[in-house]
C-alpha atoms as a PDB file:
ATOM      1  CA  MET A   1       8.497 -20.702  14.381  1.00  0.00           C
ATOM      2  CA  LEU A   2      10.270 -19.417  11.605  1.00  0.00           C
ATOM      3  CA  GLY A   3      10.754 -15.991  13.172  1.00  0.00           C
ATOM      4  CA  LEU A   4      12.746 -17.999  15.894  1.00  0.00           C
ATOM      5  CA  ALA A   5      15.193 -20.049  13.476  1.00  0.00           C
ATOM      6  CA  HIS A   6      15.679 -16.390  12.146  1.00  0.00           C
ATOM      7  CA  ILE A   7      16.538 -14.641  15.421  1.00  0.00           C
ATOM      8  CA  PHE A   8      18.783 -17.442  16.448  1.00  0.00           C
ATOM      9  CA  LEU A   9      20.523 -18.543  12.975  1.00  0.00           C
ATOM     10  CA  GLY A  10      20.236 -15.723  11.180  1.00  0.00           C
ATOM     11  CA  PRO A  11      18.752 -15.235   7.668  1.00  0.00           C
ATOM     12  CA  PRO A  12      18.180 -17.914   5.419  1.00  0.00           C
ATOM     13  CA  ILE A  13      20.921 -18.848   3.030  1.00  0.00           C
ATOM     14  CA  LEU A  14      20.545 -20.253  -0.333  1.00  0.00           C
ATOM     15  CA  ALA A  15      22.155 -23.651  -1.599  1.00  0.00           C
ATOM     16  CA  ASP A  16      24.429 -23.141  -4.668  1.00  0.00           C
ATOM     17  CA  GLY A  17      22.742 -23.280  -7.731  1.00  0.00           C
ATOM     18  CA  TYR A  18      19.022 -21.893  -6.135  1.00  0.00           C
ATOM     19  CA  LYS A  19      17.880 -18.322  -6.673  1.00  0.00           C
ATOM     20  CA  TYR A  20      14.882 -16.387  -5.372  1.00  0.00           C
ATOM     21  CA  GLU A  21      13.093 -13.360  -6.486  1.00  0.00           C
ATOM     22  CA  GLU A  22      11.211 -10.736  -4.220  1.00  0.00           C
ATOM     23  CA  TYR A  23       7.486 -10.163  -4.944  1.00  0.00           C
ATOM     24  CA  ALA A  24       7.046  -7.808  -2.450  1.00  0.00           C
ATOM     25  CA  SER A  25       8.486  -6.332   0.554  1.00  0.00           C
ATOM     26  CA  GLU A  26       7.461  -4.389   4.016  1.00  0.00           C
ATOM     27  CA  LEU A  27       4.339  -6.950   4.480  1.00  0.00           C
ATOM     28  CA  PRO A  28       4.016  -7.324   8.121  1.00  0.00           C
ATOM     29  CA  VAL A  29       3.785 -10.938   9.551  1.00  0.00           C
ATOM     30  CA  VAL A  30       2.960 -12.666   6.922  1.00  0.00           C
ATOM     31  CA  SER A  31       1.311 -16.391   7.506  1.00  0.00           C
ATOM     32  CA  ALA A  32       0.437 -18.073   4.510  1.00  0.00           C
ATOM     33  CA  LEU A  33       1.510 -17.433   0.525  1.00  0.00           C
ATOM     34  CA  ALA A  34      -0.395 -19.327  -2.147  1.00  0.00           C
ATOM     35  CA  PHE A  35       0.056 -19.143  -5.942  1.00  0.00           C
ATOM     36  CA  ASP A  36      -3.425 -19.154  -8.040  1.00  0.00           C
ATOM     37  CA  GLY A  37      -3.892 -20.886 -11.275  1.00  0.00           C
ATOM     38  CA  GLY A  38      -3.033 -17.851 -13.124  1.00  0.00           C
ATOM     39  CA  GLY A  39       0.455 -16.964 -11.545  1.00  0.00           C
ATOM     40  CA  ASP A  40      -0.958 -14.357  -8.788  1.00  0.00           C
ATOM     41  CA  LEU A  41       0.438 -14.213  -5.635  1.00  0.00           C
ATOM     42  CA  TYR A  42      -1.862 -13.878  -2.319  1.00  0.00           C
ATOM     43  CA  ALA A  43      -0.843 -13.726   1.029  1.00  0.00           C
ATOM     44  CA  THR A  44      -2.491 -13.647   4.721  1.00  0.00           C
ATOM     45  CA  LEU A  45      -1.016 -11.054   7.013  1.00  0.00           C
ATOM     46  CA  GLU A  46      -2.123 -11.764  10.722  1.00  0.00           C
ATOM     47  CA  GLU A  47      -2.492  -8.737  12.910  1.00  0.00           C
ATOM     48  CA  SER A  48      -3.216  -8.547  16.826  1.00  0.00           C
ATOM     49  CA  HIS A  49      -6.654  -9.402  18.388  1.00  0.00           C
ATOM     50  CA  GLU A  50      -7.055 -11.842  15.985  1.00  0.00           C
ATOM     51  CA  GLN A  51      -7.747  -9.743  13.006  1.00  0.00           C
ATOM     52  CA  GLY A  52      -6.322 -10.296   9.442  1.00  0.00           C
ATOM     53  CA  ARG A  53      -6.039  -9.645   5.877  1.00  0.00           C
ATOM     54  CA  LEU A  54      -5.664 -11.322   2.373  1.00  0.00           C
ATOM     55  CA  VAL A  55      -4.122  -9.589   0.042  1.00  0.00           C
ATOM     56  CA  LEU A  56      -3.370 -10.033  -3.846  1.00  0.00           C
ATOM     57  CA  ILE A  57       0.369  -8.815  -4.606  1.00  0.00           C
ATOM     58  CA  ARG A  58       0.816  -8.245  -8.362  1.00  0.00           C
ATOM     59  CA  ASP A  59       3.970  -6.570 -10.069  1.00  0.00           C
ATOM     60  CA  GLY A  60       5.082  -5.437  -6.243  1.00  0.00           C
ATOM     61  CA  HIS A  61       1.910  -3.942  -5.312  1.00  0.00           C
ATOM     62  CA  GLN A  62      -0.625  -5.183  -2.989  1.00  0.00           C
ATOM     63  CA  SER A  63      -4.486  -4.993  -2.869  1.00  0.00           C
ATOM     64  CA  GLU A  64      -7.029  -6.115   0.206  1.00  0.00           C
ATOM     65  CA  ILE A  65      -8.823  -8.773  -0.864  1.00  0.00           C
ATOM     66  CA  LEU A  66     -10.355  -9.508   2.519  1.00  0.00           C
ATOM     67  CA  GLY A  67      -9.756  -7.969   5.872  1.00  0.00           C
ATOM     68  CA  HIS A  68     -10.912  -4.694   8.048  1.00  0.00           C
END
């Protein structure tokens, strides 16, 4: 759904007073993001044929935790 919003409405725009931080780039089809208690970021990446991966994102690098 958010993908369609991006297509029809353009990229998101931050309201005054908000800021963002980019943790990683060039991640294909992210379906979920979560921080653990230590502050590490995890992402699930959806792929074709019901395949996917769970990756740990730390210092701009990703390490595969689960997947093919």
